C-alpha atoms as a PDB file:
ATOM      1  CA  UNK A   1     -48.106  -3.996  -8.124  1.00  0.00           C
ATOM      2  CA  UNK A   2     -47.652  -6.120  -4.999  1.00  0.00           C
ATOM      3  CA  UNK A   3     -44.720  -4.693  -2.993  1.00  0.00           C
ATOM      4  CA  UNK A   4     -44.191  -8.057  -1.279  1.00  0.00           C
ATOM      5  CA  UNK A   5     -42.731  -9.409  -4.526  1.00  0.00           C
ATOM      6  CA  UNK A   6     -40.496  -6.422  -5.320  1.00  0.00           C
ATOM      7  CA  UNK A   7     -36.780  -6.663  -4.647  1.00  0.00           C
ATOM      8  CA  UNK A   8     -35.518  -3.215  -3.702  1.00  0.00           C
ATOM      9  CA  UNK A   9     -31.931  -2.061  -3.072  1.00  0.00           C
ATOM     10  CA  UNK A  10     -31.440   0.785  -0.574  1.00  0.00           C
ATOM     11  CA  UNK A  11     -28.108   2.449   0.063  1.00  0.00           C
ATOM     12  CA  UNK A  12     -26.736   4.628   2.827  1.00  0.00           C
ATOM     13  CA  UNK A  13     -23.633   6.730   2.113  1.00  0.00           C
ATOM     14  CA  UNK A  14     -21.255   7.599   4.943  1.00  0.00           C
ATOM     15  CA  UNK A  15     -17.874   9.294   5.027  1.00  0.00           C
ATOM     16  CA  UNK A  16     -14.671   8.808   6.986  1.00  0.00           C
ATOM     17  CA  UNK A  17     -11.068   9.949   6.908  1.00  0.00           C
ATOM     18  CA  UNK A  18      -8.293   7.505   7.645  1.00  0.00           C
ATOM     19  CA  UNK A  19      -4.611   6.854   7.115  1.00  0.00           C
ATOM     20  CA  UNK A  20      -3.000   3.610   6.036  1.00  0.00           C
ATOM     21  CA  UNK A  21       0.090   2.123   4.498  1.00  0.00           C
ATOM     22  CA  UNK A  22       0.438  -0.759   2.083  1.00  0.00           C
ATOM     23  CA  UNK A  23       3.468  -2.691   3.246  1.00  0.00           C
ATOM     24  CA  UNK A  24       4.294  -6.377   3.352  1.00  0.00           C
ATOM     25  CA  UNK A  25       6.611  -7.036   6.312  1.00  0.00           C
ATOM     26  CA  UNK A  26       7.926 -10.192   4.608  1.00  0.00           C
ATOM     27  CA  UNK A  27       9.395  -8.087   1.794  1.00  0.00           C
ATOM     28  CA  UNK A  28      12.336  -5.719   1.636  1.00  0.00           C
ATOM     29  CA  UNK A  29      11.825  -1.954   1.670  1.00  0.00           C
ATOM     30  CA  UNK A  30      12.804  -1.921  -2.012  1.00  0.00           C
ATOM     31  CA  UNK A  31      10.229  -4.538  -3.009  1.00  0.00           C
ATOM     32  CA  UNK A  32       7.480  -2.754  -1.040  1.00  0.00           C
ATOM     33  CA  UNK A  33       8.265   0.495  -2.853  1.00  0.00           C
ATOM     34  CA  UNK A  34       8.421  -1.340  -6.184  1.00  0.00           C
ATOM     35  CA  UNK A  35       4.995  -2.954  -5.658  1.00  0.00           C
ATOM     36  CA  UNK A  36       3.119  -0.313  -3.643  1.00  0.00           C
ATOM     37  CA  UNK A  37       4.908   2.896  -4.669  1.00  0.00           C
ATOM     38  CA  UNK A  38       3.911   5.966  -2.640  1.00  0.00           C
ATOM     39  CA  UNK A  39       1.367   3.859  -0.758  1.00  0.00           C
ATOM     40  CA  UNK A  40       4.299   2.213   1.090  1.00  0.00           C
ATOM     41  CA  UNK A  41       5.370   5.582   2.536  1.00  0.00           C
ATOM     42  CA  UNK A  42       6.870   4.987   5.986  1.00  0.00           C
ATOM     43  CA  UNK A  43       4.975   8.054   7.265  1.00  0.00           C
ATOM     44  CA  UNK A  44       1.615   6.690   6.053  1.00  0.00           C
ATOM     45  CA  UNK A  45      -0.870   8.476   3.801  1.00  0.00           C
ATOM     46  CA  UNK A  46      -4.549   9.282   4.091  1.00  0.00           C
ATOM     47  CA  UNK A  47      -7.790   9.394   2.159  1.00  0.00           C
ATOM     48  CA  UNK A  48     -11.246  10.889   2.415  1.00  0.00           C
ATOM     49  CA  UNK A  49     -13.272   7.692   2.013  1.00  0.00           C
ATOM     50  CA  UNK A  50     -16.899   7.390   0.955  1.00  0.00           C
ATOM     51  CA  UNK A  51     -18.626   4.232   2.157  1.00  0.00           C
ATOM     52  CA  UNK A  52     -21.837   2.956   0.557  1.00  0.00           C
ATOM     53  CA  UNK A  53     -23.753   0.209   2.346  1.00  0.00           C
ATOM     54  CA  UNK A  54     -26.524  -1.405   0.274  1.00  0.00           C
ATOM     55  CA  UNK A  55     -29.248  -3.621   1.716  1.00  0.00           C
ATOM     56  CA  UNK A  56     -31.718  -5.534  -0.455  1.00  0.00           C
ATOM     57  CA  UNK A  57     -35.134  -6.939   0.293  1.00  0.00           C
ATOM     58  CA  UNK A  58     -38.839  -6.469  -0.061  1.00  0.00           C
ATOM     59  CA  UNK A  59     -40.535  -3.473   1.532  1.00  0.00           C
ATOM     60  CA  UNK A  60     -42.295  -4.126   4.808  1.00  0.00           C
ATOM     61  CA  UNK A  61     -46.032  -3.705   4.102  1.00  0.00           C
ATOM     62  CA  UNK A  62     -46.531  -1.663   7.292  1.00  0.00           C
ATOM     63  CA  UNK A  63     -43.609   0.785   6.856  1.00  0.00           C
ATOM     64  CA  UNK A  64     -42.728   0.568   3.170  1.00  0.00           C
ATOM     65  CA  UNK A  65     -39.077   0.131   4.222  1.00  0.00           C
ATOM     66  CA  UNK A  66     -36.637  -2.608   3.317  1.00  0.00           C
ATOM     67  CA  UNK A  67     -34.622  -1.262   6.244  1.00  0.00           C
ATOM     68  CA  UNK A  68     -35.007   1.943   8.199  1.00  0.00           C
ATOM     69  CA  UNK A  69     -32.126   4.023   6.810  1.00  0.00           C
ATOM     70  CA  UNK A  70     -31.715   5.822  10.144  1.00  0.00           C
ATOM     71  CA  UNK A  71     -31.232   2.432  11.828  1.00  0.00           C
ATOM     72  CA  UNK A  72     -28.717   1.463   9.122  1.00  0.00           C
ATOM     73  CA  UNK A  73     -26.845   4.765   9.544  1.00  0.00           C
ATOM     74  CA  UNK A  74     -26.662   4.327  13.313  1.00  0.00           C
ATOM     75  CA  UNK A  75     -25.434   0.744  12.929  1.00  0.00           C
ATOM     76  CA  UNK A  76     -22.681   1.683  10.461  1.00  0.00           C
ATOM     77  CA  UNK A  77     -21.612   4.630  12.594  1.00  0.00           C
ATOM     78  CA  UNK A  78     -21.390   2.422  15.702  1.00  0.00           C
ATOM     79  CA  UNK A  79     -19.699  -0.631  14.165  1.00  0.00           C
ATOM     80  CA  UNK A  80     -17.485   1.041  11.534  1.00  0.00           C
ATOM     81  CA  UNK A  81     -17.210   4.832  11.477  1.00  0.00           C
ATOM     82  CA  UNK A  82     -16.572   5.234  15.220  1.00  0.00           C
ATOM     83  CA  UNK A  83     -13.661   2.771  14.929  1.00  0.00           C
ATOM     84  CA  UNK A  84     -12.061   4.044  11.721  1.00  0.00           C
ATOM     85  CA  UNK A  85     -12.713   7.777  11.300  1.00  0.00           C
ATOM     86  CA  UNK A  86      -9.549   9.835  11.818  1.00  0.00           C
ATOM     87  CA  UNK A  87      -7.600   6.694  12.665  1.00  0.00           C
ATOM     88  CA  UNK A  88      -4.755   4.650  11.248  1.00  0.00           C
ATOM     89  CA  UNK A  89      -6.258   1.565   9.593  1.00  0.00           C
ATOM     90  CA  UNK A  90      -3.073  -0.466  10.093  1.00  0.00           C
ATOM     91  CA  UNK A  91      -2.654   0.344  13.786  1.00  0.00           C
ATOM     92  CA  UNK A  92      -5.961   1.454  15.305  1.00  0.00           C
ATOM     93  CA  UNK A  93      -8.800  -0.505  13.681  1.00  0.00           C
ATOM     94  CA  UNK A  94      -9.575  -3.753  15.502  1.00  0.00           C
ATOM     95  CA  UNK A  95     -11.398  -5.412  12.609  1.00  0.00           C
ATOM     96  CA  UNK A  96      -8.361  -4.852  10.329  1.00  0.00           C
ATOM     97  CA  UNK A  97      -5.762  -6.305  12.730  1.00  0.00           C
ATOM     98  CA  UNK A  98      -3.242  -8.542  10.991  1.00  0.00           C
ATOM     99  CA  UNK A  99      -4.466  -7.708   7.473  1.00  0.00           C
ATOM    100  CA  UNK A 100      -2.984  -5.728   4.600  1.00  0.00           C
ATOM    101  CA  UNK A 101      -4.832  -2.413   4.738  1.00  0.00           C
ATOM    102  CA  UNK A 102      -5.961  -2.410   1.098  1.00  0.00           C
ATOM    103  CA  UNK A 103      -9.430  -1.140   0.264  1.00  0.00           C
ATOM    104  CA  UNK A 104     -10.259  -4.637  -0.987  1.00  0.00           C
ATOM    105  CA  UNK A 105      -9.551  -6.107   2.460  1.00  0.00           C
ATOM    106  CA  UNK A 106     -11.284  -3.174   4.109  1.00  0.00           C
ATOM    107  CA  UNK A 107     -14.486  -3.839   2.145  1.00  0.00           C
ATOM    108  CA  UNK A 108     -14.462  -7.508   3.186  1.00  0.00           C
ATOM    109  CA  UNK A 109     -13.807  -6.602   6.833  1.00  0.00           C
ATOM    110  CA  UNK A 110     -16.624  -4.037   6.868  1.00  0.00           C
ATOM    111  CA  UNK A 111     -18.996  -6.631   5.394  1.00  0.00           C
ATOM    112  CA  UNK A 112     -17.996  -9.114   8.091  1.00  0.00           C
ATOM    113  CA  UNK A 113     -18.546  -6.516  10.815  1.00  0.00           C
ATOM    114  CA  UNK A 114     -21.984  -5.426   9.594  1.00  0.00           C
ATOM    115  CA  UNK A 115     -23.576  -8.550   8.173  1.00  0.00           C
ATOM    116  CA  UNK A 116     -24.543 -10.196  11.505  1.00  0.00           C
ATOM    117  CA  UNK A 117     -26.406  -7.028  12.534  1.00  0.00           C
ATOM    118  CA  UNK A 118     -28.515  -6.521   9.397  1.00  0.00           C
ATOM    119  CA  UNK A 119     -31.832  -7.956  10.570  1.00  0.00           C
ATOM    120  CA  UNK A 120     -34.143  -6.244   8.104  1.00  0.00           C
ATOM    121  CA  UNK A 121     -33.365  -7.078   4.482  1.00  0.00           C
ATOM    122  CA  UNK A 122     -30.039  -8.618   3.493  1.00  0.00           C
ATOM    123  CA  UNK A 123     -26.650  -6.962   3.113  1.00  0.00           C
ATOM    124  CA  UNK A 124     -26.030  -6.716  -0.628  1.00  0.00           C
ATOM    125  CA  UNK A 125     -22.932  -4.597  -1.218  1.00  0.00           C
ATOM    126  CA  UNK A 126     -20.152  -2.661   0.440  1.00  0.00           C
ATOM    127  CA  UNK A 127     -18.696  -0.011  -1.853  1.00  0.00           C
ATOM    128  CA  UNK A 128     -15.737   2.107  -0.797  1.00  0.00           C
ATOM    129  CA  UNK A 129     -14.383   5.060  -2.741  1.00  0.00           C
ATOM    130  CA  UNK A 130     -10.753   5.671  -1.809  1.00  0.00           C
ATOM    131  CA  UNK A 131     -10.512   8.504  -4.349  1.00  0.00           C
ATOM    132  CA  UNK A 132     -13.091   9.942  -6.759  1.00  0.00           C
ATOM    133  CA  UNK A 133     -11.644   7.689  -9.463  1.00  0.00           C
ATOM    134  CA  UNK A 134     -10.927   4.521  -7.483  1.00  0.00           C
ATOM    135  CA  UNK A 135     -13.345   2.271  -5.629  1.00  0.00           C
ATOM    136  CA  UNK A 136     -14.091  -1.327  -4.738  1.00  0.00           C
ATOM    137  CA  UNK A 137     -17.335  -3.239  -4.410  1.00  0.00           C
ATOM    138  CA  UNK A 138     -17.840  -6.389  -2.364  1.00  0.00           C
ATOM    139  CA  UNK A 139     -20.948  -8.557  -2.575  1.00  0.00           C
ATOM    140  CA  UNK A 140     -20.114 -11.100   0.114  1.00  0.00           C
END
């Protein structure tokens, strides 16, 4: 089989801990609690997030890589993990400024932060697990 014609998906998993609050400042306290429940807690709440970054492409004939996963790990740690780990998503994370701190918006923001720097292969998916039973996927 000719590897130059194969489309391969490679994924790097990373982990971070962060706090956030779901709260619409245009709504009353009562409406925020009605819509967001415990996630609108005035004292915030936190999660142990798992982040999956998937890049697609054809393997380089010289290395066999779509992307060097060490390079991908370093990029995600620099652009995302260093800014979000053990932080408050609403208050401390520059790429989330002015946005509702939902995991849906977080996935889009992470995509937007990483995509310009993926030079080998093409960013395919950002997947974020907020809990073991709840995750989002964003495909750009």
